Amino acid sequence: MRNYIMPGEHVTITAASAIMSGQPVLIGDLFGVAQGDAEIGEEVVIVRRGIFELPKAGAQAWTVGAKIYWDAGNGVCSATAASNKLIGVAVAGATNPSAVGRVLLDGTIR
């Protein structure tokens, strides 16, 4: 195939703001976790598939398999849909309170 470019699990984007390695990144409907640091205007690779330990809404308890959403306004993952973006599912339980949770990103654009 002459038109194949790459698998798409790692995507290079231009940083709209300063980004730190491991930081969740949402651009439109594209969500991933930064593989490295980048300043505004620099390119950075975001990883769209895999299990990541991500910041979560502290006052929530998660169960395995629960849908997880990105709350861009608060910069955390949440089990609440509201106006948040679906990013994956919890792969481990998380207690209330706790600051992080394990999320499976499957690379699907939702």
Protein backbone atom coordinates (compact mmCIF):
# COMPACT_ATOMS: atom_id res chain seq x y z
CA MET A 1 0.00 0.00 0.00
CA ARG A 2 1.47 3.29 -1.03
CA ASN A 3 -0.94 5.36 1.07
CA TYR A 4 -0.20 3.72 4.46
CA ILE A 5 1.56 6.11 6.83
CA MET A 6 1.75 4.52 10.31
CA PRO A 7 -0.30 2.58 12.90
CA GLY A 8 -1.54 5.72 14.70
CA GLU A 9 -0.88 4.60 18.26
CA HIS A 10 1.72 7.37 18.55
CA VAL A 11 0.79 10.67 16.92
CA THR A 12 2.97 13.76 16.58
CA ILE A 13 1.15 17.02 17.31
CA THR A 14 2.19 20.64 17.73
CA ALA A 15 1.88 21.78 21.34
CA ALA A 16 -0.67 24.59 21.79
CA SER A 17 0.67 25.09 25.34
CA ALA A 18 3.62 23.82 27.36
CA ILE A 19 3.35 20.05 27.84
CA MET A 20 5.16 17.77 30.28
CA SER A 21 5.95 14.10 29.74
CA GLY A 22 3.08 11.95 31.01
CA GLN A 23 0.56 14.79 30.79
CA PRO A 24 -2.87 13.99 29.32
CA VAL A 25 -3.50 15.95 26.10
CA LEU A 26 -6.84 16.60 24.38
CA ILE A 27 -6.96 18.38 21.03
CA GLY A 28 -10.48 18.40 19.63
CA ASP A 29 -11.43 14.71 19.77
CA LEU A 30 -7.83 13.44 19.80
CA PHE A 31 -6.74 12.28 23.27
CA GLY A 32 -3.41 10.82 24.35
CA VAL A 33 -0.61 11.03 26.87
CA ALA A 34 2.51 13.07 26.08
CA GLN A 35 5.61 10.95 25.55
CA GLY A 36 7.94 13.87 26.24
CA ASP A 37 8.10 17.56 27.12
CA ALA A 38 7.30 20.34 24.64
CA GLU A 39 7.07 24.11 24.64
CA ILE A 40 4.39 26.01 22.73
CA GLY A 41 4.84 25.42 19.00
CA GLU A 42 7.12 22.39 19.42
CA GLU A 43 6.21 18.93 18.22
CA VAL A 44 5.44 16.24 20.79
CA VAL A 45 4.35 12.62 20.46
CA ILE A 46 1.15 11.58 22.20
CA VAL A 47 0.42 7.92 22.94
CA ARG A 48 -3.17 6.93 22.17
CA ARG A 49 -3.23 3.27 23.30
CA GLY A 50 -2.27 1.54 26.50
CA ILE A 51 -2.86 1.58 30.24
CA PHE A 52 -1.89 4.78 32.02
CA GLU A 53 -2.04 6.00 35.61
CA LEU A 54 -3.76 9.36 35.24
CA PRO A 55 -5.00 12.11 37.57
CA LYS A 56 -8.60 11.53 38.64
CA ALA A 57 -11.39 13.40 40.34
CA GLY A 58 -10.48 12.72 43.97
CA ALA A 59 -14.01 12.35 45.34
CA GLN A 60 -14.95 9.48 43.02
CA ALA A 61 -14.70 5.73 43.39
CA TRP A 62 -14.08 3.77 40.17
CA THR A 63 -14.86 0.13 39.45
CA VAL A 64 -13.11 -2.02 36.86
CA GLY A 65 -14.69 -1.51 33.45
CA ALA A 66 -16.28 1.85 34.26
CA LYS A 67 -16.24 4.35 31.40
CA ILE A 68 -13.75 7.14 32.06
CA TYR A 69 -14.00 10.67 30.69
CA TRP A 70 -11.55 13.56 30.44
CA ASP A 71 -12.68 16.63 32.39
CA ALA A 72 -10.65 19.28 30.56
CA GLY A 73 -11.88 22.08 32.82
CA ASN A 74 -10.38 20.44 35.90
CA GLY A 75 -7.54 18.52 34.19
CA VAL A 76 -8.62 15.14 35.60
CA CYS A 77 -10.24 11.89 34.57
CA SER A 78 -13.80 11.41 35.74
CA ALA A 79 -16.49 8.74 35.82
CA THR A 80 -19.03 11.48 35.06
CA ALA A 81 -20.04 11.89 31.41
CA ALA A 82 -21.66 15.38 31.49
CA SER A 83 -19.82 17.44 28.86
CA ASN A 84 -16.59 15.44 29.33
CA LYS A 85 -14.85 13.45 26.57
CA LEU A 86 -14.95 9.62 26.75
CA ILE A 87 -11.33 8.41 26.73
CA GLY A 88 -11.40 4.77 27.90
CA VAL A 89 -12.22 2.48 30.81
CA ALA A 90 -10.92 1.88 34.31
CA VAL A 91 -8.75 -1.25 34.54
CA ALA A 92 -8.41 -1.14 38.32
CA GLY A 93 -10.65 0.02 41.11
CA ALA A 94 -9.92 3.45 42.58
CA THR A 95 -11.09 4.54 45.99
CA ASN A 96 -12.72 7.75 47.15
CA PRO A 97 -10.59 9.71 47.86
CA SER A 98 -7.63 9.04 45.59
CA ALA A 99 -5.65 11.22 43.20
CA VAL A 100 -4.93 8.74 40.38
CA GLY A 101 -6.60 5.90 38.53
CA ARG A 102 -5.56 3.37 35.89
CA VAL A 103 -7.20 3.93 32.52
CA LEU A 104 -7.09 1.84 29.35
CA LEU A 105 -6.91 4.10 26.32
CA ASP A 106 -7.93 2.13 23.24
CA GLY A 107 -7.15 4.79 20.63
CA THR A 108 -10.76 5.13 19.52
CA ILE A 109 -11.99 8.58 18.53
CA ARG A 110 -15.33 9.15 20.21
